C-alpha cells in the first residue's frame, strides 16, 4: 500500500469506525431475553440442578458409561 492509499485508508477509518458510547453496556445479568414463549428461557441466576452432590463422585467418564 502506498502512502496515498494509506492516508485515504486512515481518513476513512477516522470518519467511519464506530467507537465511543455506542458500545454495549456489558451488564452481566441482563434478563431481557427471558420469555415464556414456546421455548421458555430462564434467567442467568436461576438454580441449576446438580444430580451429584459429592465432588468425589463427579466423574464424567463414569457418568457417560452409565
PDB file of N, CA and C in Angstrom:
ATOM      1  N   UNK A   1       0.850  -1.162   0.000  1.00  0.00           N
ATOM      2  CA  UNK A   1       0.000   0.000   0.000  1.00  0.00           C
ATOM      3  C   UNK A   1       0.905   1.237   0.000  1.00  0.00           C
ATOM      4  N   UNK A   2       0.674   2.129  -0.944  1.00  0.00           N
ATOM      5  CA  UNK A   2       1.487   3.339  -0.996  1.00  0.00           C
ATOM      6  C   UNK A   2       0.964   4.378  -0.001  1.00  0.00           C
ATOM      7  N   UNK A   3       1.696   5.481   0.131  1.00  0.00           N
ATOM      8  CA  UNK A   3       1.347   6.449   1.175  1.00  0.00           C
ATOM      9  C   UNK A   3       0.004   7.131   0.905  1.00  0.00           C
ATOM     10  N   UNK A   4      -0.368   7.343  -0.356  1.00  0.00           N
ATOM     11  CA  UNK A   4      -1.659   7.967  -0.667  1.00  0.00           C
ATOM     12  C   UNK A   4      -2.802   7.026  -0.280  1.00  0.00           C
ATOM     13  N   UNK A   5      -2.620   5.734  -0.567  1.00  0.00           N
ATOM     14  CA  UNK A   5      -3.644   4.759  -0.189  1.00  0.00           C
ATOM     15  C   UNK A   5      -3.757   4.659   1.329  1.00  0.00           C
ATOM     16  N   UNK A   6      -2.610   4.675   1.989  1.00  0.00           N
ATOM     17  CA  UNK A   6      -2.590   4.583   3.444  1.00  0.00           C
ATOM     18  C   UNK A   6      -3.292   5.790   4.069  1.00  0.00           C
ATOM     19  N   UNK A   7      -3.024   6.976   3.520  1.00  0.00           N
ATOM     20  CA  UNK A   7      -3.649   8.199   4.026  1.00  0.00           C
ATOM     21  C   UNK A   7      -5.166   8.142   3.828  1.00  0.00           C
ATOM     22  N   UNK A   8      -5.603   7.684   2.658  1.00  0.00           N
ATOM     23  CA  UNK A   8      -7.037   7.569   2.377  1.00  0.00           C
ATOM     24  C   UNK A   8      -7.675   6.540   3.310  1.00  0.00           C
ATOM     25  N   UNK A   9      -6.975   5.437   3.558  1.00  0.00           N
ATOM     26  CA  UNK A   9      -7.480   4.400   4.451  1.00  0.00           C
ATOM     27  C   UNK A   9      -7.604   4.928   5.877  1.00  0.00           C
ATOM     28  N   UNK A  10      -6.602   5.638   6.343  1.00  0.00           N
ATOM     29  CA  UNK A  10      -6.647   6.219   7.684  1.00  0.00           C
ATOM     30  C   UNK A  10      -7.786   7.229   7.819  1.00  0.00           C
ATOM     31  N   UNK A  11      -7.986   8.041   6.774  1.00  0.00           N
ATOM     32  CA  UNK A  11      -9.056   9.031   6.804  1.00  0.00           C
ATOM     33  C   UNK A  11     -10.415   8.334   6.842  1.00  0.00           C
ATOM     34  N   UNK A  12     -10.579   7.276   6.042  1.00  0.00           N
ATOM     35  CA  UNK A  12     -11.841   6.539   6.034  1.00  0.00           C
ATOM     36  C   UNK A  12     -12.128   5.952   7.418  1.00  0.00           C
ATOM     37  N   UNK A  13     -11.124   5.342   8.021  1.00  0.00           N
ATOM     38  CA  UNK A  13     -11.306   4.741   9.347  1.00  0.00           C
ATOM     39  C   UNK A  13     -11.653   5.798  10.390  1.00  0.00           C
ATOM     40  N   UNK A  14     -11.005   6.957  10.329  1.00  0.00           N
ATOM     41  CA  UNK A  14     -11.277   8.024  11.287  1.00  0.00           C
ATOM     42  C   UNK A  14     -12.718   8.519  11.164  1.00  0.00           C
ATOM     43  N   UNK A  15     -13.261   8.519   9.956  1.00  0.00           N
ATOM     44  CA  UNK A  15     -14.613   9.026   9.736  1.00  0.00           C
ATOM     45  C   UNK A  15     -15.691   7.968   9.958  1.00  0.00           C
ATOM     46  N   UNK A  16     -15.348   6.686   9.797  1.00  0.00           N
ATOM     47  CA  UNK A  16     -16.377   5.656   9.782  1.00  0.00           C
ATOM     48  C   UNK A  16     -16.286   4.586  10.862  1.00  0.00           C
ATOM     49  N   UNK A  17     -15.189   4.476  11.553  1.00  0.00           N
ATOM     50  CA  UNK A  17     -15.095   3.458  12.599  1.00  0.00           C
ATOM     51  C   UNK A  17     -16.007   3.816  13.759  1.00  0.00           C
ATOM     52  N   UNK A  18     -16.674   2.807  14.292  1.00  0.00           N
ATOM     53  CA  UNK A  18     -17.605   3.019  15.385  1.00  0.00           C
ATOM     54  C   UNK A  18     -16.850   2.902  16.699  1.00  0.00           C
ATOM     55  N   UNK A  19     -16.858   3.985  17.455  1.00  0.00           N
ATOM     56  CA  UNK A  19     -16.217   3.985  18.772  1.00  0.00           C
ATOM     57  C   UNK A  19     -17.012   4.882  19.697  1.00  0.00           C
ATOM     58  N   UNK A  20     -16.695   4.822  20.970  1.00  0.00           N
ATOM     59  CA  UNK A  20     -17.312   5.753  21.905  1.00  0.00           C
ATOM     60  C   UNK A  20     -18.437   5.135  22.692  1.00  0.00           C
ATOM     61  N   UNK A  21     -19.526   5.883  22.847  1.00  0.00           N
ATOM     62  CA  UNK A  21     -20.624   5.487  23.726  1.00  0.00           C
ATOM     63  C   UNK A  21     -21.598   4.502  23.105  1.00  0.00           C
ATOM     64  N   UNK A  22     -21.344   4.025  21.908  1.00  0.00           N
ATOM     65  CA  UNK A  22     -22.276   3.110  21.279  1.00  0.00           C
ATOM     66  C   UNK A  22     -21.956   1.640  21.575  1.00  0.00           C
ATOM     67  N   UNK A  23     -20.986   1.392  22.443  1.00  0.00           N
ATOM     68  CA  UNK A  23     -20.629   0.020  22.802  1.00  0.00           C
ATOM     69  C   UNK A  23     -21.689  -0.552  23.742  1.00  0.00           C
ATOM     70  N   UNK A  24     -21.874  -1.879  23.733  1.00  0.00           N
ATOM     71  CA  UNK A  24     -22.839  -2.483  24.648  1.00  0.00           C
ATOM     72  C   UNK A  24     -22.461  -2.223  26.095  1.00  0.00           C
ATOM     73  N   UNK A  25     -23.451  -2.227  26.961  1.00  0.00           N
ATOM     74  CA  UNK A  25     -23.220  -1.907  28.360  1.00  0.00           C
ATOM     75  C   UNK A  25     -22.414  -2.980  29.073  1.00  0.00           C
ATOM     76  N   UNK A  26     -22.545  -4.234  28.660  1.00  0.00           N
ATOM     77  CA  UNK A  26     -21.814  -5.314  29.297  1.00  0.00           C
ATOM     78  C   UNK A  26     -22.394  -5.722  30.632  1.00  0.00           C
ATOM     79  N   UNK A  27     -23.652  -5.415  30.859  1.00  0.00           N
ATOM     80  CA  UNK A  27     -24.299  -5.805  32.113  1.00  0.00           C
ATOM     81  C   UNK A  27     -24.428  -7.323  32.110  1.00  0.00           C
ATOM     82  N   UNK A  28     -23.785  -8.020  33.079  1.00  0.00           N
ATOM     83  CA  UNK A  28     -23.773  -9.477  33.031  1.00  0.00           C
ATOM     84  C   UNK A  28     -25.107 -10.134  33.352  1.00  0.00           C
ATOM     85  N   UNK A  29     -25.979  -9.466  34.077  1.00  0.00           N
ATOM     86  CA  UNK A  29     -27.259 -10.061  34.442  1.00  0.00           C
ATOM     87  C   UNK A  29     -28.401  -9.395  33.698  1.00  0.00           C
ATOM     88  N   UNK A  30     -28.354  -9.403  32.405  1.00  0.00           N
ATOM     89  CA  UNK A  30     -29.387  -8.813  31.579  1.00  0.00           C
ATOM     90  C   UNK A  30     -30.432  -9.883  31.276  1.00  0.00           C
ATOM     91  N   UNK A  31     -31.584  -9.820  31.944  1.00  0.00           N
ATOM     92  CA  UNK A  31     -32.615 -10.835  31.778  1.00  0.00           C
ATOM     93  C   UNK A  31     -33.707 -10.405  30.793  1.00  0.00           C
ATOM     94  N   UNK A  32     -33.425  -9.482  29.911  1.00  0.00           N
ATOM     95  CA  UNK A  32     -34.433  -9.019  28.969  1.00  0.00           C
ATOM     96  C   UNK A  32     -34.821 -10.094  27.965  1.00  0.00           C
ATOM     97  N   UNK A  33     -34.024 -11.132  27.843  1.00  0.00           N
ATOM     98  CA  UNK A  33     -34.302 -12.200  26.885  1.00  0.00           C
ATOM     99  C   UNK A  33     -35.208 -13.287  27.468  1.00  0.00           C
ATOM    100  N   UNK A  34     -35.489 -13.238  28.773  1.00  0.00           N
ATOM    101  CA  UNK A  34     -36.303 -14.262  29.423  1.00  0.00           C
ATOM    102  C   UNK A  34     -37.705 -14.228  28.840  1.00  0.00           C
ATOM    103  N   UNK A  35     -38.210 -15.401  28.505  1.00  0.00           N
ATOM    104  CA  UNK A  35     -39.532 -15.457  27.893  1.00  0.00           C
ATOM    105  C   UNK A  35     -40.304 -16.666  28.395  1.00  0.00           C
ATOM    106  N   UNK A  36     -41.554 -16.650  28.131  1.00  0.00           N
ATOM    107  CA  UNK A  36     -42.400 -17.785  28.458  1.00  0.00           C
ATOM    108  C   UNK A  36     -43.024 -18.341  27.185  1.00  0.00           C
ATOM    109  N   UNK A  37     -42.398 -18.070  26.060  1.00  0.00           N
ATOM    110  CA  UNK A  37     -42.916 -18.487  24.760  1.00  0.00           C
ATOM    111  C   UNK A  37     -42.837 -19.986  24.558  1.00  0.00           C
ATOM    112  N   UNK A  38     -42.882 -20.426  23.307  1.00  0.00           N
ATOM    113  CA  UNK A  38     -42.879 -21.862  23.014  1.00  0.00           C
ATOM    114  C   UNK A  38     -41.627 -22.572  23.534  1.00  0.00           C
ATOM    115  N   UNK A  39     -40.520 -21.857  23.598  1.00  0.00           N
ATOM    116  CA  UNK A  39     -39.294 -22.410  24.185  1.00  0.00           C
ATOM    117  C   UNK A  39     -38.926 -21.495  25.337  1.00  0.00           C
ATOM    118  N   UNK A  40     -39.297 -21.875  26.570  1.00  0.00           N
ATOM    119  CA  UNK A  40     -39.028 -20.984  27.691  1.00  0.00           C
ATOM    120  C   UNK A  40     -37.538 -20.789  27.927  1.00  0.00           C
ATOM    121  N   UNK A  41     -37.173 -19.580  28.276  1.00  0.00           N
ATOM    122  CA  UNK A  41     -35.781 -19.236  28.551  1.00  0.00           C
ATOM    123  C   UNK A  41     -35.705 -18.763  29.988  1.00  0.00           C
ATOM    124  N   UNK A  42     -34.789 -19.345  30.757  1.00  0.00           N
ATOM    125  CA  UNK A  42     -34.686 -18.975  32.165  1.00  0.00           C
ATOM    126  C   UNK A  42     -33.653 -17.880  32.381  1.00  0.00           C
ATOM    127  N   UNK A  43     -33.704 -17.283  33.570  1.00  0.00           N
ATOM    128  CA  UNK A  43     -32.785 -16.209  33.924  1.00  0.00           C
ATOM    129  C   UNK A  43     -31.381 -16.741  34.144  1.00  0.00           C
ATOM    130  N   UNK A  44     -30.391 -15.836  34.074  1.00  0.00           N
ATOM    131  CA  UNK A  44     -28.994 -16.210  34.304  1.00  0.00           C
ATOM    132  C   UNK A  44     -28.769 -16.756  35.709  1.00  0.00           C
ATOM    133  N   UNK A  45     -29.481 -16.206  36.686  1.00  0.00           N
ATOM    134  CA  UNK A  45     -29.236 -16.611  38.063  1.00  0.00           C
ATOM    135  C   UNK A  45     -30.164 -17.720  38.548  1.00  0.00           C
ATOM    136  N   UNK A  46     -30.874 -18.382  37.632  1.00  0.00           N
ATOM    137  CA  UNK A  46     -31.744 -19.494  38.011  1.00  0.00           C
ATOM    138  C   UNK A  46     -30.888 -20.665  38.496  1.00  0.00           C
ATOM    139  N   UNK A  47     -31.368 -21.388  39.512  1.00  0.00           N
ATOM    140  CA  UNK A  47     -30.584 -22.509  40.022  1.00  0.00           C
ATOM    141  C   UNK A  47     -30.455 -23.623  38.989  1.00  0.00           C
ATOM    142  N   UNK A  48     -29.325 -24.305  39.045  1.00  0.00           N
ATOM    143  CA  UNK A  48     -29.049 -25.401  38.123  1.00  0.00           C
ATOM    144  C   UNK A  48     -29.063 -26.701  38.913  1.00  0.00           C
ATOM    145  N   UNK A  49     -29.751 -27.697  38.391  1.00  0.00           N
ATOM    146  CA  UNK A  49     -29.827 -28.984  39.071  1.00  0.00           C
ATOM    147  C   UNK A  49     -28.476 -29.684  38.991  1.00  0.00           C
ATOM    148  N   UNK A  50     -27.987 -30.143  40.129  1.00  0.00           N
ATOM    149  CA  UNK A  50     -26.737 -30.893  40.183  1.00  0.00           C
ATOM    150  C   UNK A  50     -27.032 -32.253  40.794  1.00  0.00           C
ATOM    151  N   UNK A  51     -27.135 -33.299  39.964  1.00  0.00           N
ATOM    152  CA  UNK A  51     -27.505 -34.612  40.490  1.00  0.00           C
ATOM    153  C   UNK A  51     -26.408 -35.260  41.338  1.00  0.00           C
ATOM    154  N   UNK A  52     -25.194 -34.751  41.266  1.00  0.00           N
ATOM    155  CA  UNK A  52     -24.095 -35.324  42.028  1.00  0.00           C
ATOM    156  C   UNK A  52     -23.658 -34.303  43.065  1.00  0.00           C
ATOM    157  N   UNK A  53     -24.016 -34.562  44.323  1.00  0.00           N
ATOM    158  CA  UNK A  53     -23.719 -33.600  45.381  1.00  0.00           C
ATOM    159  C   UNK A  53     -22.282 -33.703  45.886  1.00  0.00           C
ATOM    160  N   UNK A  54     -21.667 -34.860  45.764  1.00  0.00           N
ATOM    161  CA  UNK A  54     -20.325 -35.083  46.300  1.00  0.00           C
ATOM    162  C   UNK A  54     -19.301 -35.018  45.172  1.00  0.00           C
ATOM    163  N   UNK A  55     -18.392 -34.042  45.182  1.00  0.00           N
ATOM    164  CA  UNK A  55     -17.406 -33.904  44.102  1.00  0.00           C
ATOM    165  C   UNK A  55     -16.517 -35.141  43.915  1.00  0.00           C
ATOM    166  N   UNK A  56     -16.356 -35.968  44.965  1.00  0.00           N
ATOM    167  CA  UNK A  56     -15.530 -37.179  44.821  1.00  0.00           C
ATOM    168  C   UNK A  56     -16.124 -38.136  43.791  1.00  0.00           C
ATOM    169  N   UNK A  57     -17.439 -38.084  43.622  1.00  0.00           N
ATOM    170  CA  UNK A  57     -18.107 -39.000  42.710  1.00  0.00           C
ATOM    171  C   UNK A  57     -18.491 -38.344  41.393  1.00  0.00           C
ATOM    172  N   UNK A  58     -18.079 -37.128  41.175  1.00  0.00           N
ATOM    173  CA  UNK A  58     -18.404 -36.404  39.952  1.00  0.00           C
ATOM    174  C   UNK A  58     -17.403 -36.770  38.858  1.00  0.00           C
ATOM    175  N   UNK A  59     -17.531 -37.964  38.318  1.00  0.00           N
ATOM    176  CA  UNK A  59     -16.629 -38.472  37.292  1.00  0.00           C
ATOM    177  C   UNK A  59     -17.411 -38.566  35.994  1.00  0.00           C
ATOM    178  N   UNK A  60     -17.121 -37.690  35.043  1.00  0.00           N
ATOM    179  CA  UNK A  60     -17.888 -37.653  33.813  1.00  0.00           C
ATOM    180  C   UNK A  60     -17.729 -38.944  33.012  1.00  0.00           C
ATOM    181  N   UNK A  61     -16.574 -39.589  33.056  1.00  0.00           N
ATOM    182  CA  UNK A  61     -16.405 -40.847  32.331  1.00  0.00           C
ATOM    183  C   UNK A  61     -17.330 -41.919  32.894  1.00  0.00           C
ATOM    184  N   UNK A  62     -17.431 -41.983  34.223  1.00  0.00           N
ATOM    185  CA  UNK A  62     -18.322 -42.960  34.841  1.00  0.00           C
ATOM    186  C   UNK A  62     -19.760 -42.638  34.519  1.00  0.00           C
ATOM    187  N   UNK A  63     -20.121 -41.355  34.531  1.00  0.00           N
ATOM    188  CA  UNK A  63     -21.484 -40.960  34.210  1.00  0.00           C
ATOM    189  C   UNK A  63     -21.832 -41.315  32.766  1.00  0.00           C
ATOM    190  N   UNK A  64     -20.904 -41.094  31.857  1.00  0.00           N
ATOM    191  CA  UNK A  64     -21.141 -41.435  30.453  1.00  0.00           C
ATOM    192  C   UNK A  64     -21.252 -42.946  30.266  1.00  0.00           C
ATOM    193  N   UNK A  65     -20.517 -43.704  31.071  1.00  0.00           N
ATOM    194  CA  UNK A  65     -20.579 -45.160  30.984  1.00  0.00           C
ATOM    195  C   UNK A  65     -21.938 -45.698  31.402  1.00  0.00           C
ATOM    196  N   UNK A  66     -22.598 -44.991  32.287  1.00  0.00           N
ATOM    197  CA  UNK A  66     -23.929 -45.422  32.718  1.00  0.00           C
ATOM    198  C   UNK A  66     -24.924 -45.036  31.681  1.00  0.00           C
TER     199      UNK A  66
END
